[in-house]
């Protein structure tokens, strides 16, 4: 329970720091780039009222349309930066990039945009923990990460393909992943804590490698 609270507090701190930085960037874009585009549009309007002859008028009108499009894009970007959403897809792809140096990587993400924030953090944290363990201990060539959405639950499956090998009693061996037996594996504890924080269920098997199966109710 204590570990779950600590992980939740850390996630909140990270989220608040990211949101503050995004808001700062959004303000800078709005105050600087947005202001300059507004001035350019006003100046272009004045030029259009003066130069009504063709083809100059049509050319100036084309420039104004370009500036209008740029202003719309700026507004959209600022809105997205202010948005409190977390892009799970981008986060998982970014975290998994180091795997591409050593593994054949398969990623399949099929979720809607309205996944609750606490579940997003849980999925990101679980995936990060698994990726870290795979990088440290795996001797296989294939890794798959699957995150899907069903009518009543979300499902996260991470599979590090391969056969397990016997280890000493000091360690827990699941697939090709090794954990310290004295602490029951800090990585596994963190994963279990994140699953518990969203009332999910965790199943780990060593059939054809390390396979973690997480189910999280909606």
N, C-alpha and C. Protein backbone atom coordinates (compact mmCIF):
# COMPACT_ATOMS: atom_id res chain seq x y z
N UNK A 1 0.83 -1.20 0.00
CA UNK A 1 0.00 0.00 0.00
C UNK A 1 0.87 1.26 0.00
N UNK A 2 1.91 1.26 0.86
CA UNK A 2 2.80 2.41 0.94
C UNK A 2 3.51 2.64 -0.39
N UNK A 3 3.95 1.53 -1.02
CA UNK A 3 4.64 1.65 -2.31
C UNK A 3 3.71 2.21 -3.37
N UNK A 4 2.44 1.80 -3.33
CA UNK A 4 1.45 2.31 -4.28
C UNK A 4 1.27 3.81 -4.12
N UNK A 5 1.21 4.29 -2.86
CA UNK A 5 1.05 5.71 -2.60
C UNK A 5 2.26 6.50 -3.09
N UNK A 6 3.47 5.94 -2.89
CA UNK A 6 4.68 6.62 -3.34
C UNK A 6 4.72 6.73 -4.85
N UNK A 7 4.35 5.64 -5.54
CA UNK A 7 4.32 5.67 -7.00
C UNK A 7 3.29 6.66 -7.51
N UNK A 8 2.13 6.71 -6.85
CA UNK A 8 1.09 7.65 -7.26
C UNK A 8 1.54 9.09 -7.05
N UNK A 9 2.21 9.34 -5.92
CA UNK A 9 2.71 10.70 -5.65
C UNK A 9 3.77 11.10 -6.66
N UNK A 10 4.64 10.16 -7.04
CA UNK A 10 5.68 10.46 -8.03
C UNK A 10 5.06 10.75 -9.39
N UNK A 11 4.05 9.98 -9.77
CA UNK A 11 3.37 10.22 -11.04
C UNK A 11 2.72 11.60 -11.05
N UNK A 12 2.12 11.98 -9.92
CA UNK A 12 1.48 13.30 -9.83
C UNK A 12 2.50 14.41 -9.97
N UNK A 13 3.66 14.26 -9.32
CA UNK A 13 4.72 15.27 -9.42
C UNK A 13 5.21 15.40 -10.85
N UNK A 14 5.43 14.27 -11.51
CA UNK A 14 5.90 14.29 -12.90
C UNK A 14 4.86 14.96 -13.80
N UNK A 15 3.60 14.59 -13.59
CA UNK A 15 2.53 15.17 -14.41
C UNK A 15 2.44 16.68 -14.22
N UNK A 16 2.51 17.13 -12.97
CA UNK A 16 2.42 18.57 -12.69
C UNK A 16 3.59 19.33 -13.30
N UNK A 17 4.79 18.74 -13.23
CA UNK A 17 5.97 19.39 -13.81
C UNK A 17 5.84 19.48 -15.33
N UNK A 18 5.38 18.39 -15.95
CA UNK A 18 5.19 18.39 -17.41
C UNK A 18 4.14 19.40 -17.82
N UNK A 19 3.04 19.45 -17.07
CA UNK A 19 1.96 20.37 -17.41
C UNK A 19 2.40 21.82 -17.26
N UNK A 20 3.19 22.11 -16.21
CA UNK A 20 3.69 23.48 -16.01
C UNK A 20 4.60 23.90 -17.16
N UNK A 21 5.46 22.98 -17.62
CA UNK A 21 6.36 23.30 -18.72
C UNK A 21 5.59 23.49 -20.02
N UNK A 22 4.59 22.66 -20.25
CA UNK A 22 3.78 22.80 -21.46
C UNK A 22 3.01 24.11 -21.45
N UNK A 23 2.50 24.50 -20.28
CA UNK A 23 1.79 25.77 -20.18
C UNK A 23 2.72 26.96 -20.44
N UNK A 24 3.96 26.84 -19.97
CA UNK A 24 4.94 27.91 -20.22
C UNK A 24 5.21 28.05 -21.71
N UNK A 25 5.40 26.91 -22.38
CA UNK A 25 5.65 26.94 -23.82
C UNK A 25 4.44 27.51 -24.56
N UNK A 26 3.24 27.11 -24.12
CA UNK A 26 2.02 27.61 -24.76
C UNK A 26 1.91 29.12 -24.62
N UNK A 27 2.24 29.64 -23.44
CA UNK A 27 2.19 31.09 -23.24
C UNK A 27 3.20 31.81 -24.13
N UNK A 28 4.41 31.23 -24.24
CA UNK A 28 5.44 31.85 -25.08
C UNK A 28 4.99 31.89 -26.54
N UNK A 29 4.41 30.80 -27.01
CA UNK A 29 3.93 30.76 -28.40
C UNK A 29 2.82 31.79 -28.60
N UNK A 30 1.88 31.83 -27.66
CA UNK A 30 0.75 32.76 -27.78
C UNK A 30 1.22 34.21 -27.74
N UNK A 31 2.12 34.52 -26.80
CA UNK A 31 2.53 35.91 -26.60
C UNK A 31 3.48 36.40 -27.69
N UNK A 32 4.31 35.52 -28.22
CA UNK A 32 5.31 35.95 -29.20
C UNK A 32 4.87 35.68 -30.64
N UNK A 33 4.79 34.41 -31.01
CA UNK A 33 4.43 34.07 -32.39
C UNK A 33 3.02 34.52 -32.71
N UNK A 34 2.08 34.26 -31.79
CA UNK A 34 0.70 34.66 -32.03
C UNK A 34 0.56 36.16 -32.22
N UNK A 35 1.28 36.92 -31.41
CA UNK A 35 1.21 38.38 -31.51
C UNK A 35 1.76 38.87 -32.85
N UNK A 36 2.87 38.28 -33.29
CA UNK A 36 3.47 38.70 -34.57
C UNK A 36 2.56 38.35 -35.74
N UNK A 37 1.91 37.19 -35.69
CA UNK A 37 0.99 36.81 -36.76
C UNK A 37 -0.22 37.74 -36.79
N UNK A 38 -0.69 38.14 -35.62
CA UNK A 38 -1.82 39.07 -35.56
C UNK A 38 -1.46 40.41 -36.20
N UNK A 39 -0.27 40.90 -35.91
CA UNK A 39 0.19 42.14 -36.52
C UNK A 39 0.31 42.00 -38.04
N UNK A 40 0.84 40.86 -38.48
CA UNK A 40 1.00 40.63 -39.92
C UNK A 40 -0.36 40.60 -40.61
N UNK A 41 -1.36 40.01 -39.96
CA UNK A 41 -2.71 39.96 -40.55
C UNK A 41 -3.32 41.36 -40.65
N UNK A 42 -3.11 42.18 -39.62
CA UNK A 42 -3.61 43.55 -39.66
C UNK A 42 -2.94 44.35 -40.78
N UNK A 43 -1.63 44.18 -40.91
CA UNK A 43 -0.89 44.88 -41.96
C UNK A 43 -1.34 44.41 -43.34
N UNK A 44 -1.60 43.11 -43.46
CA UNK A 44 -2.05 42.58 -44.74
C UNK A 44 -3.43 43.11 -45.09
N UNK A 45 -4.29 43.26 -44.08
CA UNK A 45 -5.61 43.83 -44.32
C UNK A 45 -5.52 45.25 -44.83
N UNK A 46 -4.58 46.02 -44.27
CA UNK A 46 -4.38 47.40 -44.72
C UNK A 46 -3.88 47.43 -46.16
N UNK A 47 -2.95 46.54 -46.49
CA UNK A 47 -2.41 46.49 -47.86
C UNK A 47 -3.50 46.10 -48.86
N UNK A 48 -4.38 45.19 -48.47
CA UNK A 48 -5.46 44.78 -49.36
C UNK A 48 -6.44 45.92 -49.64
N UNK A 49 -6.64 46.76 -48.63
CA UNK A 49 -7.56 47.89 -48.83
C UNK A 49 -6.95 48.96 -49.72
N UNK A 50 -5.62 48.99 -49.80
CA UNK A 50 -4.94 49.99 -50.63
C UNK A 50 -4.73 49.48 -52.05
N UNK A 51 -4.27 48.23 -52.16
CA UNK A 51 -3.93 47.66 -53.47
C UNK A 51 -5.08 46.78 -53.96
N UNK A 52 -5.98 47.36 -54.71
CA UNK A 52 -7.13 46.62 -55.22
C UNK A 52 -6.93 46.15 -56.66
N UNK A 53 -5.84 46.60 -57.26
CA UNK A 53 -5.61 46.21 -58.65
C UNK A 53 -5.07 44.79 -58.73
N UNK A 54 -5.37 44.15 -59.85
CA UNK A 54 -4.87 42.80 -60.09
C UNK A 54 -3.58 42.87 -60.91
N UNK A 55 -2.65 41.91 -60.76
CA UNK A 55 -2.80 40.69 -59.95
C UNK A 55 -2.33 40.85 -58.51
N UNK A 56 -1.94 42.09 -58.12
CA UNK A 56 -1.39 42.30 -56.78
C UNK A 56 -2.40 41.91 -55.70
N UNK A 57 -3.67 42.30 -55.90
CA UNK A 57 -4.68 42.04 -54.88
C UNK A 57 -4.83 40.53 -54.62
N UNK A 58 -4.88 39.75 -55.69
CA UNK A 58 -5.02 38.30 -55.54
C UNK A 58 -3.80 37.69 -54.85
N UNK A 59 -2.63 38.21 -55.18
CA UNK A 59 -1.41 37.70 -54.55
C UNK A 59 -1.39 38.01 -53.05
N UNK A 60 -1.81 39.23 -52.69
CA UNK A 60 -1.88 39.59 -51.28
C UNK A 60 -2.94 38.77 -50.55
N UNK A 61 -4.04 38.50 -51.24
CA UNK A 61 -5.10 37.67 -50.64
C UNK A 61 -4.57 36.27 -50.35
N UNK A 62 -3.73 35.75 -51.24
CA UNK A 62 -3.13 34.44 -51.01
C UNK A 62 -2.22 34.43 -49.78
N UNK A 63 -1.46 35.52 -49.61
CA UNK A 63 -0.60 35.64 -48.43
C UNK A 63 -1.44 35.70 -47.15
N UNK A 64 -2.56 36.44 -47.21
CA UNK A 64 -3.42 36.54 -46.03
C UNK A 64 -4.01 35.17 -45.67
N UNK A 65 -4.40 34.40 -46.67
CA UNK A 65 -4.94 33.07 -46.39
C UNK A 65 -3.88 32.18 -45.73
N UNK A 66 -2.63 32.33 -46.18
CA UNK A 66 -1.55 31.56 -45.56
C UNK A 66 -1.36 31.96 -44.10
N UNK A 67 -1.42 33.27 -43.84
CA UNK A 67 -1.28 33.76 -42.47
C UNK A 67 -2.45 33.29 -41.60
N UNK A 68 -3.66 33.28 -42.17
CA UNK A 68 -4.83 32.79 -41.44
C UNK A 68 -4.65 31.32 -41.05
N UNK A 69 -4.14 30.53 -42.00
CA UNK A 69 -3.90 29.11 -41.72
C UNK A 69 -2.85 28.94 -40.63
N UNK A 70 -1.79 29.75 -40.71
CA UNK A 70 -0.74 29.69 -39.69
C UNK A 70 -1.30 30.04 -38.31
N UNK A 71 -2.17 31.06 -38.25
CA UNK A 71 -2.77 31.45 -36.97
C UNK A 71 -3.65 30.34 -36.42
N UNK A 72 -4.43 29.69 -37.29
CA UNK A 72 -5.26 28.57 -36.84
C UNK A 72 -4.41 27.43 -36.29
N UNK A 73 -3.29 27.15 -36.96
CA UNK A 73 -2.40 26.09 -36.50
C UNK A 73 -1.77 26.44 -35.16
N UNK A 74 -1.42 27.71 -34.98
CA UNK A 74 -0.85 28.15 -33.70
C UNK A 74 -1.88 27.98 -32.58
N UNK A 75 -3.12 28.39 -32.84
CA UNK A 75 -4.17 28.24 -31.83
C UNK A 75 -4.37 26.78 -31.46
N UNK A 76 -4.36 25.91 -32.48
CA UNK A 76 -4.53 24.48 -32.23
C UNK A 76 -3.38 23.92 -31.40
N UNK A 77 -2.16 24.34 -31.73
CA UNK A 77 -0.99 23.86 -30.99
C UNK A 77 -1.01 24.32 -29.55
N UNK A 78 -1.38 25.59 -29.34
CA UNK A 78 -1.46 26.12 -27.98
C UNK A 78 -2.53 25.37 -27.18
N UNK A 79 -3.66 25.08 -27.82
CA UNK A 79 -4.72 24.34 -27.15
C UNK A 79 -4.24 22.95 -26.76
N UNK A 80 -3.52 22.29 -27.66
CA UNK A 80 -3.02 20.94 -27.37
C UNK A 80 -2.02 20.96 -26.23
N UNK A 81 -1.19 22.01 -26.17
CA UNK A 81 -0.21 22.10 -25.09
C UNK A 81 -0.89 22.32 -23.75
N UNK A 82 -1.98 23.08 -23.74
CA UNK A 82 -2.72 23.31 -22.50
C UNK A 82 -3.52 22.08 -22.10
N UNK A 83 -3.79 21.21 -23.06
CA UNK A 83 -4.61 20.04 -22.79
C UNK A 83 -3.95 19.16 -21.73
N UNK A 84 -4.76 18.63 -20.83
CA UNK A 84 -4.25 17.82 -19.72
C UNK A 84 -4.06 16.36 -20.11
N UNK A 85 -4.12 16.06 -21.39
CA UNK A 85 -4.05 14.68 -21.83
C UNK A 85 -2.62 14.16 -21.87
N UNK A 86 -2.49 12.84 -21.85
CA UNK A 86 -1.21 12.17 -21.94
C UNK A 86 -1.27 11.24 -23.14
N UNK A 87 -0.32 11.34 -24.01
CA UNK A 87 -0.30 10.52 -25.21
C UNK A 87 0.37 9.19 -24.89
N UNK A 88 -0.44 8.17 -24.59
CA UNK A 88 0.10 6.86 -24.21
C UNK A 88 0.87 6.25 -25.37
N UNK A 89 0.34 6.39 -26.58
CA UNK A 89 1.01 5.80 -27.74
C UNK A 89 2.43 6.34 -27.89
N UNK A 90 2.54 7.66 -27.89
CA UNK A 90 3.86 8.27 -28.05
C UNK A 90 4.79 7.88 -26.92
N UNK A 91 4.25 7.83 -25.69
CA UNK A 91 5.08 7.50 -24.54
C UNK A 91 5.64 6.09 -24.65
N UNK A 92 4.80 5.13 -25.05
CA UNK A 92 5.25 3.74 -25.16
C UNK A 92 6.25 3.58 -26.31
N UNK A 93 5.95 4.19 -27.45
CA UNK A 93 6.89 4.10 -28.58
C UNK A 93 8.23 4.72 -28.21
N UNK A 94 8.21 5.83 -27.49
CA UNK A 94 9.45 6.50 -27.10
C UNK A 94 10.24 5.64 -26.12
N UNK A 95 9.56 5.06 -25.13
CA UNK A 95 10.24 4.21 -24.16
C UNK A 95 10.82 2.96 -24.80
N UNK A 96 10.14 2.45 -25.83
CA UNK A 96 10.56 1.19 -26.45
C UNK A 96 11.68 1.37 -27.47
N UNK A 97 12.02 2.60 -27.82
CA UNK A 97 13.04 2.83 -28.84
C UNK A 97 14.36 2.11 -28.56
N UNK A 98 14.86 2.13 -27.31
CA UNK A 98 16.13 1.43 -27.04
C UNK A 98 16.09 -0.06 -27.36
N UNK A 99 14.90 -0.66 -27.34
CA UNK A 99 14.78 -2.09 -27.64
C UNK A 99 15.13 -2.39 -29.09
N UNK A 100 14.92 -1.42 -29.97
CA UNK A 100 15.15 -1.64 -31.39
C UNK A 100 16.61 -1.92 -31.72
N UNK A 101 17.51 -1.54 -30.80
CA UNK A 101 18.93 -1.77 -31.05
C UNK A 101 19.31 -3.25 -30.92
N UNK A 102 18.53 -4.01 -30.13
CA UNK A 102 18.89 -5.41 -29.87
C UNK A 102 17.80 -6.41 -30.20
N UNK A 103 16.57 -5.95 -30.36
CA UNK A 103 15.45 -6.87 -30.50
C UNK A 103 14.62 -6.57 -31.75
N UNK A 104 13.90 -7.60 -32.19
CA UNK A 104 12.85 -7.41 -33.18
C UNK A 104 11.61 -7.00 -32.39
N UNK A 105 11.17 -5.79 -32.57
CA UNK A 105 10.13 -5.21 -31.71
C UNK A 105 8.79 -5.16 -32.43
N UNK A 106 7.75 -5.61 -31.74
CA UNK A 106 6.39 -5.56 -32.25
C UNK A 106 5.54 -4.75 -31.27
N UNK A 107 4.92 -3.67 -31.74
CA UNK A 107 4.07 -2.85 -30.88
C UNK A 107 2.69 -2.72 -31.52
N UNK A 108 1.67 -3.00 -30.73
CA UNK A 108 0.29 -2.89 -31.21
C UNK A 108 -0.53 -2.16 -30.15
N UNK A 109 -0.97 -0.95 -30.46
CA UNK A 109 -1.74 -0.14 -29.52
C UNK A 109 -3.07 0.23 -30.16
N UNK A 110 -4.15 -0.20 -29.53
CA UNK A 110 -5.48 0.06 -30.07
C UNK A 110 -6.38 0.51 -28.92
N UNK A 111 -6.36 1.81 -28.63
CA UNK A 111 -7.16 2.36 -27.54
C UNK A 111 -7.80 3.67 -28.00
N UNK A 112 -8.86 4.08 -27.31
CA UNK A 112 -9.51 5.35 -27.61
C UNK A 112 -8.76 6.47 -26.89
N UNK A 113 -9.17 7.70 -27.15
CA UNK A 113 -8.49 8.85 -26.57
C UNK A 113 -9.00 9.21 -25.17
N UNK A 114 -10.01 8.50 -24.69
CA UNK A 114 -10.60 8.88 -23.40
C UNK A 114 -10.19 7.95 -22.26
N UNK A 115 -9.04 7.33 -22.36
CA UNK A 115 -8.53 6.50 -21.26
C UNK A 115 -8.26 7.39 -20.04
N UNK A 116 -8.73 7.02 -18.86
CA UNK A 116 -8.50 7.83 -17.65
C UNK A 116 -7.01 8.04 -17.39
N UNK A 117 -6.69 9.21 -16.82
CA UNK A 117 -5.28 9.57 -16.61
C UNK A 117 -4.56 8.59 -15.71
N UNK A 118 -5.20 8.12 -14.64
CA UNK A 118 -4.51 7.20 -13.72
C UNK A 118 -4.19 5.87 -14.40
N UNK A 119 -5.06 5.44 -15.32
CA UNK A 119 -4.79 4.20 -16.05
C UNK A 119 -3.67 4.41 -17.06
N UNK A 120 -3.63 5.59 -17.67
CA UNK A 120 -2.53 5.90 -18.58
C UNK A 120 -1.19 5.81 -17.86
N UNK A 121 -1.12 6.44 -16.68
CA UNK A 121 0.12 6.41 -15.91
C UNK A 121 0.49 4.99 -15.51
N UNK A 122 -0.52 4.19 -15.15
CA UNK A 122 -0.25 2.81 -14.76
C UNK A 122 0.34 2.03 -15.93
N UNK A 123 -0.27 2.15 -17.10
CA UNK A 123 0.22 1.43 -18.28
C UNK A 123 1.62 1.87 -18.67
N UNK A 124 1.87 3.18 -18.60
CA UNK A 124 3.20 3.69 -18.93
C UNK A 124 4.22 3.19 -17.92
N UNK A 125 3.88 3.23 -16.63
CA UNK A 125 4.81 2.79 -15.59
C UNK A 125 5.12 1.30 -15.68
N UNK A 126 4.10 0.48 -15.93
CA UNK A 126 4.29 -0.96 -16.07
C UNK A 126 5.18 -1.26 -17.28
N UNK A 127 4.88 -0.60 -18.39
CA UNK A 127 5.67 -0.82 -19.60
C UNK A 127 7.13 -0.41 -19.39
N UNK A 128 7.33 0.71 -18.74
CA UNK A 128 8.69 1.19 -18.47
C UNK A 128 9.46 0.19 -17.62
N UNK A 129 8.81 -0.36 -16.60
CA UNK A 129 9.46 -1.33 -15.71
C UNK A 129 9.84 -2.59 -16.48
N UNK A 130 8.94 -3.06 -17.34
CA UNK A 130 9.21 -4.27 -18.12
C UNK A 130 10.34 -4.04 -19.13
N UNK A 131 10.31 -2.90 -19.79
CA UNK A 131 11.35 -2.60 -20.77
C UNK A 131 12.72 -2.53 -20.10
N UNK A 132 12.78 -1.91 -18.94
CA UNK A 132 14.04 -1.82 -18.20
C UNK A 132 14.57 -3.20 -17.86
N UNK A 133 13.68 -4.08 -17.44
CA UNK A 133 14.09 -5.44 -17.08
C UNK A 133 14.55 -6.23 -18.30
N UNK A 134 13.85 -6.06 -19.41
CA UNK A 134 14.22 -6.76 -20.64
C UNK A 134 15.60 -6.33 -21.11
N UNK A 135 15.85 -5.02 -21.08
CA UNK A 135 17.15 -4.51 -21.51
C UNK A 135 18.27 -5.06 -20.64
N UNK A 136 18.02 -5.19 -19.35
CA UNK A 136 19.06 -5.64 -18.41
C UNK A 136 19.32 -7.14 -18.50
N UNK A 137 18.27 -7.94 -18.69
CA UNK A 137 18.41 -9.38 -18.49
C UNK A 137 18.09 -10.26 -19.69
N UNK A 138 17.38 -9.75 -20.68
CA UNK A 138 16.92 -10.64 -21.74
C UNK A 138 18.05 -11.11 -22.64
N UNK A 139 17.94 -12.38 -23.07
CA UNK A 139 18.89 -12.95 -24.03
C UNK A 139 18.16 -13.38 -25.30
N UNK A 140 16.97 -12.82 -25.52
CA UNK A 140 16.16 -13.20 -26.66
C UNK A 140 16.27 -12.19 -27.79
N UNK A 141 15.52 -12.44 -28.85
CA UNK A 141 15.59 -11.56 -30.02
C UNK A 141 14.28 -10.85 -30.32
N UNK A 142 13.16 -11.33 -29.75
CA UNK A 142 11.85 -10.76 -30.07
C UNK A 142 11.16 -10.25 -28.81
N UNK A 143 10.54 -9.07 -28.94
CA UNK A 143 9.75 -8.49 -27.85
C UNK A 143 8.47 -7.91 -28.45
N UNK A 144 7.34 -8.16 -27.79
CA UNK A 144 6.09 -7.58 -28.26
C UNK A 144 5.41 -6.83 -27.12
N UNK A 145 4.80 -5.69 -27.47
CA UNK A 145 4.05 -4.87 -26.52
C UNK A 145 2.67 -4.63 -27.13
N UNK A 146 1.64 -5.02 -26.41
CA UNK A 146 0.27 -4.87 -26.91
C UNK A 146 -0.59 -4.19 -25.86
N UNK A 147 -1.26 -3.12 -26.25
CA UNK A 147 -2.19 -2.42 -25.36
C UNK A 147 -3.51 -2.27 -26.11
N UNK A 148 -4.54 -2.91 -25.58
CA UNK A 148 -5.83 -2.89 -26.27
C UNK A 148 -6.97 -2.49 -25.35
N UNK A 149 -8.06 -2.08 -25.96
CA UNK A 149 -9.25 -1.66 -25.21
C UNK A 149 -10.42 -2.56 -25.58
N UNK A 150 -11.12 -3.04 -24.56
CA UNK A 150 -12.30 -3.87 -24.73
C UNK A 150 -13.49 -3.16 -24.08
N UNK A 151 -14.70 -3.65 -24.29
CA UNK A 151 -15.87 -2.95 -23.76
C UNK A 151 -15.82 -2.66 -22.26
N UNK A 152 -15.24 -3.55 -21.47
CA UNK A 152 -15.27 -3.36 -20.02
C UNK A 152 -13.89 -3.31 -19.37
N UNK A 153 -12.82 -3.44 -20.15
CA UNK A 153 -11.49 -3.42 -19.55
C UNK A 153 -10.42 -3.08 -20.59
N UNK A 154 -9.24 -2.69 -20.06
CA UNK A 154 -8.04 -2.49 -20.88
C UNK A 154 -7.11 -3.68 -20.66
N UNK A 155 -6.33 -4.00 -21.67
CA UNK A 155 -5.46 -5.16 -21.59
C UNK A 155 -4.06 -4.80 -22.08
N UNK A 156 -3.06 -5.04 -21.23
CA UNK A 156 -1.67 -4.79 -21.57
C UNK A 156 -0.91 -6.10 -21.51
N UNK A 157 -0.27 -6.46 -22.61
CA UNK A 157 0.52 -7.70 -22.68
C UNK A 157 1.92 -7.36 -23.17
N UNK A 158 2.92 -7.76 -22.40
CA UNK A 158 4.32 -7.57 -22.80
C UNK A 158 4.98 -8.93 -22.79
N UNK A 159 5.54 -9.31 -23.92
CA UNK A 159 6.08 -10.66 -24.09
C UNK A 159 7.53 -10.59 -24.55
N UNK A 160 8.40 -11.17 -23.75
CA UNK A 160 9.82 -11.31 -24.09
C UNK A 160 10.03 -12.78 -24.44
N UNK A 161 10.05 -13.09 -25.73
CA UNK A 161 10.03 -14.47 -26.19
C UNK A 161 11.32 -15.20 -25.86
N UNK A 162 11.19 -16.50 -25.55
CA UNK A 162 12.37 -17.33 -25.32
C UNK A 162 12.17 -18.31 -24.20
N UNK A 163 13.14 -19.20 -24.02
CA UNK A 163 13.08 -20.21 -22.98
C UNK A 163 13.82 -19.74 -21.74
N UNK A 164 13.31 -20.13 -20.57
CA UNK A 164 13.97 -19.78 -19.32
C UNK A 164 15.09 -20.76 -19.02
N UNK A 165 16.01 -20.32 -18.16
CA UNK A 165 17.11 -21.18 -17.74
C UNK A 165 17.10 -21.26 -16.23
N UNK A 166 17.61 -22.36 -15.68
CA UNK A 166 17.64 -22.53 -14.23
C UNK A 166 18.56 -21.51 -13.59
N UNK A 167 18.12 -20.97 -12.45
CA UNK A 167 18.91 -20.00 -11.72
C UNK A 167 19.06 -20.50 -10.29
N UNK A 168 19.94 -19.87 -9.53
CA UNK A 168 20.13 -20.26 -8.14
C UNK A 168 18.92 -19.86 -7.33
N UNK A 169 18.82 -20.39 -6.12
CA UNK A 169 17.67 -20.13 -5.26
C UNK A 169 17.61 -18.68 -4.82
N UNK A 170 18.68 -17.93 -5.05
CA UNK A 170 18.70 -16.53 -4.65
C UNK A 170 17.88 -15.65 -5.58
N UNK A 171 17.43 -16.22 -6.69
CA UNK A 171 16.71 -15.42 -7.67
C UNK A 171 15.42 -16.09 -8.11
N UNK A 172 14.49 -15.28 -8.53
CA UNK A 172 13.28 -15.75 -9.19
C UNK A 172 13.51 -15.63 -10.68
N UNK A 173 13.27 -16.70 -11.42
CA UNK A 173 13.46 -16.66 -12.87
C UNK A 173 12.10 -16.79 -13.54
N UNK A 174 11.73 -15.77 -14.32
CA UNK A 174 10.49 -15.80 -15.09
C UNK A 174 10.87 -15.53 -16.53
N UNK A 175 10.77 -16.53 -17.37
CA UNK A 175 11.26 -16.39 -18.73
C UNK A 175 12.75 -16.15 -18.70
N UNK A 176 13.20 -15.09 -19.34
CA UNK A 176 14.63 -14.76 -19.33
C UNK A 176 14.92 -13.64 -18.35
N UNK A 177 13.95 -13.32 -17.48
CA UNK A 177 14.11 -12.20 -16.57
C UNK A 177 14.40 -12.70 -15.16
N UNK A 178 15.38 -12.08 -14.52
CA UNK A 178 15.84 -12.53 -13.22
C UNK A 178 15.57 -11.47 -12.17
N UNK A 179 14.99 -11.90 -11.03
CA UNK A 179 14.67 -10.99 -9.95
C UNK A 179 15.31 -11.48 -8.66
N UNK A 180 15.67 -10.54 -7.80
CA UNK A 180 16.23 -10.88 -6.51
C UNK A 180 15.16 -11.52 -5.64
N UNK A 181 15.40 -12.73 -5.17
CA UNK A 181 14.39 -13.47 -4.42
C UNK A 181 14.15 -12.88 -3.04
N UNK A 182 15.15 -12.19 -2.48
CA UNK A 182 15.01 -11.65 -1.13
C UNK A 182 13.93 -10.59 -1.06
N UNK A 183 13.77 -9.83 -2.11
CA UNK A 183 12.76 -8.77 -2.12
C UNK A 183 11.58 -9.12 -3.01
N UNK A 184 11.58 -10.35 -3.53
CA UNK A 184 10.56 -10.81 -4.47
C UNK A 184 10.58 -9.99 -5.75
N UNK A 185 11.73 -9.33 -5.99
CA UNK A 185 11.89 -8.58 -7.23
C UNK A 185 11.29 -7.20 -7.13
N UNK A 186 12.15 -6.17 -6.99
CA UNK A 186 11.65 -4.81 -6.88
C UNK A 186 10.85 -4.42 -8.12
N UNK A 187 11.30 -4.89 -9.30
CA UNK A 187 10.56 -4.57 -10.51
C UNK A 187 9.15 -5.14 -10.47
N UNK A 188 9.03 -6.40 -10.02
CA UNK A 188 7.72 -7.02 -9.91
C UNK A 188 6.85 -6.32 -8.87
N UNK A 189 7.47 -5.89 -7.79
CA UNK A 189 6.72 -5.17 -6.76
C UNK A 189 6.16 -3.87 -7.30
N UNK A 190 6.97 -3.15 -8.07
CA UNK A 190 6.51 -1.89 -8.65
C UNK A 190 5.37 -2.13 -9.64
N UNK A 191 5.51 -3.18 -10.45
CA UNK A 191 4.45 -3.52 -11.40
C UNK A 191 3.17 -3.87 -10.66
N UNK A 192 3.29 -4.71 -9.63
CA UNK A 192 2.11 -5.10 -8.86
C UNK A 192 1.46 -3.90 -8.20
N UNK A 193 2.27 -2.97 -7.70
CA UNK A 193 1.72 -1.77 -7.05
C UNK A 193 0.94 -0.92 -8.04
N UNK A 194 1.48 -0.79 -9.25
CA UNK A 194 0.78 0.01 -10.26
C UNK A 194 -0.52 -0.67 -10.69
N UNK A 195 -0.49 -1.99 -10.79
CA UNK A 195 -1.71 -2.72 -11.14
C UNK A 195 -2.75 -2.55 -10.03
N UNK A 196 -2.31 -2.65 -8.78
CA UNK A 196 -3.22 -2.50 -7.64
C UNK A 196 -3.83 -1.10 -7.60
N UNK A 197 -3.06 -0.09 -8.02
CA UNK A 197 -3.53 1.29 -7.94
C UNK A 197 -4.73 1.56 -8.84
N UNK A 198 -4.93 0.70 -9.85
CA UNK A 198 -6.07 0.86 -10.76
C UNK A 198 -7.01 -0.34 -10.68
N UNK A 199 -6.90 -1.09 -9.56
CA UNK A 199 -7.78 -2.24 -9.31
C UNK A 199 -7.71 -3.29 -10.41
N UNK A 200 -6.52 -3.45 -10.97
CA UNK A 200 -6.34 -4.41 -12.05
C UNK A 200 -5.88 -5.76 -11.55
N UNK A 201 -5.69 -6.68 -12.49
CA UNK A 201 -5.18 -8.01 -12.17
C UNK A 201 -3.91 -8.25 -12.97
N UNK A 202 -2.98 -8.98 -12.37
CA UNK A 202 -1.67 -9.24 -12.97
C UNK A 202 -1.43 -10.73 -13.06
N UNK A 203 -1.00 -11.18 -14.22
CA UNK A 203 -0.65 -12.58 -14.41
C UNK A 203 0.67 -12.65 -15.15
N UNK A 204 1.63 -13.41 -14.62
CA UNK A 204 2.94 -13.55 -15.23
C UNK A 204 3.21 -15.02 -15.48
N UNK A 205 3.61 -15.35 -16.70
CA UNK A 205 3.92 -16.74 -17.04
C UNK A 205 5.32 -16.82 -17.64
N UNK A 206 5.87 -18.02 -17.63
CA UNK A 206 7.17 -18.25 -18.26
C UNK A 206 7.07 -19.24 -19.40
N UNK A 207 5.89 -19.29 -20.02
CA UNK A 207 5.71 -20.13 -21.19
C UNK A 207 6.25 -19.39 -22.41
N UNK A 208 7.26 -19.96 -23.02
CA UNK A 208 7.89 -19.33 -24.18
C UNK A 208 8.39 -17.93 -23.83
N UNK A 209 9.00 -17.80 -22.66
CA UNK A 209 9.59 -16.53 -22.28
C UNK A 209 8.78 -15.79 -21.23
N UNK A 210 9.27 -14.62 -20.87
CA UNK A 210 8.61 -13.77 -19.88
C UNK A 210 7.39 -13.12 -20.51
N UNK A 211 6.24 -13.33 -19.90
CA UNK A 211 5.00 -12.76 -20.44
C UNK A 211 4.19 -12.17 -19.29
N UNK A 212 3.95 -10.88 -19.38
CA UNK A 212 3.16 -10.20 -18.35
C UNK A 212 1.81 -9.82 -18.96
N UNK A 213 0.76 -10.17 -18.24
CA UNK A 213 -0.60 -9.94 -18.72
C UNK A 213 -1.33 -9.11 -17.67
N UNK A 214 -1.74 -7.90 -18.04
CA UNK A 214 -2.43 -7.00 -17.12
C UNK A 214 -3.82 -6.69 -17.65
N UNK A 215 -4.80 -6.83 -16.78
CA UNK A 215 -6.18 -6.49 -17.12
C UNK A 215 -6.65 -5.40 -16.16
N UNK A 216 -7.17 -4.30 -16.71
CA UNK A 216 -7.59 -3.16 -15.89
C UNK A 216 -9.05 -2.83 -16.20
N UNK A 217 -9.93 -2.90 -15.20
CA UNK A 217 -11.35 -2.61 -15.47
C UNK A 217 -11.57 -1.13 -15.77
N UNK A 218 -12.58 -0.85 -16.57
CA UNK A 218 -12.91 0.54 -16.89
C UNK A 218 -13.68 1.18 -15.74
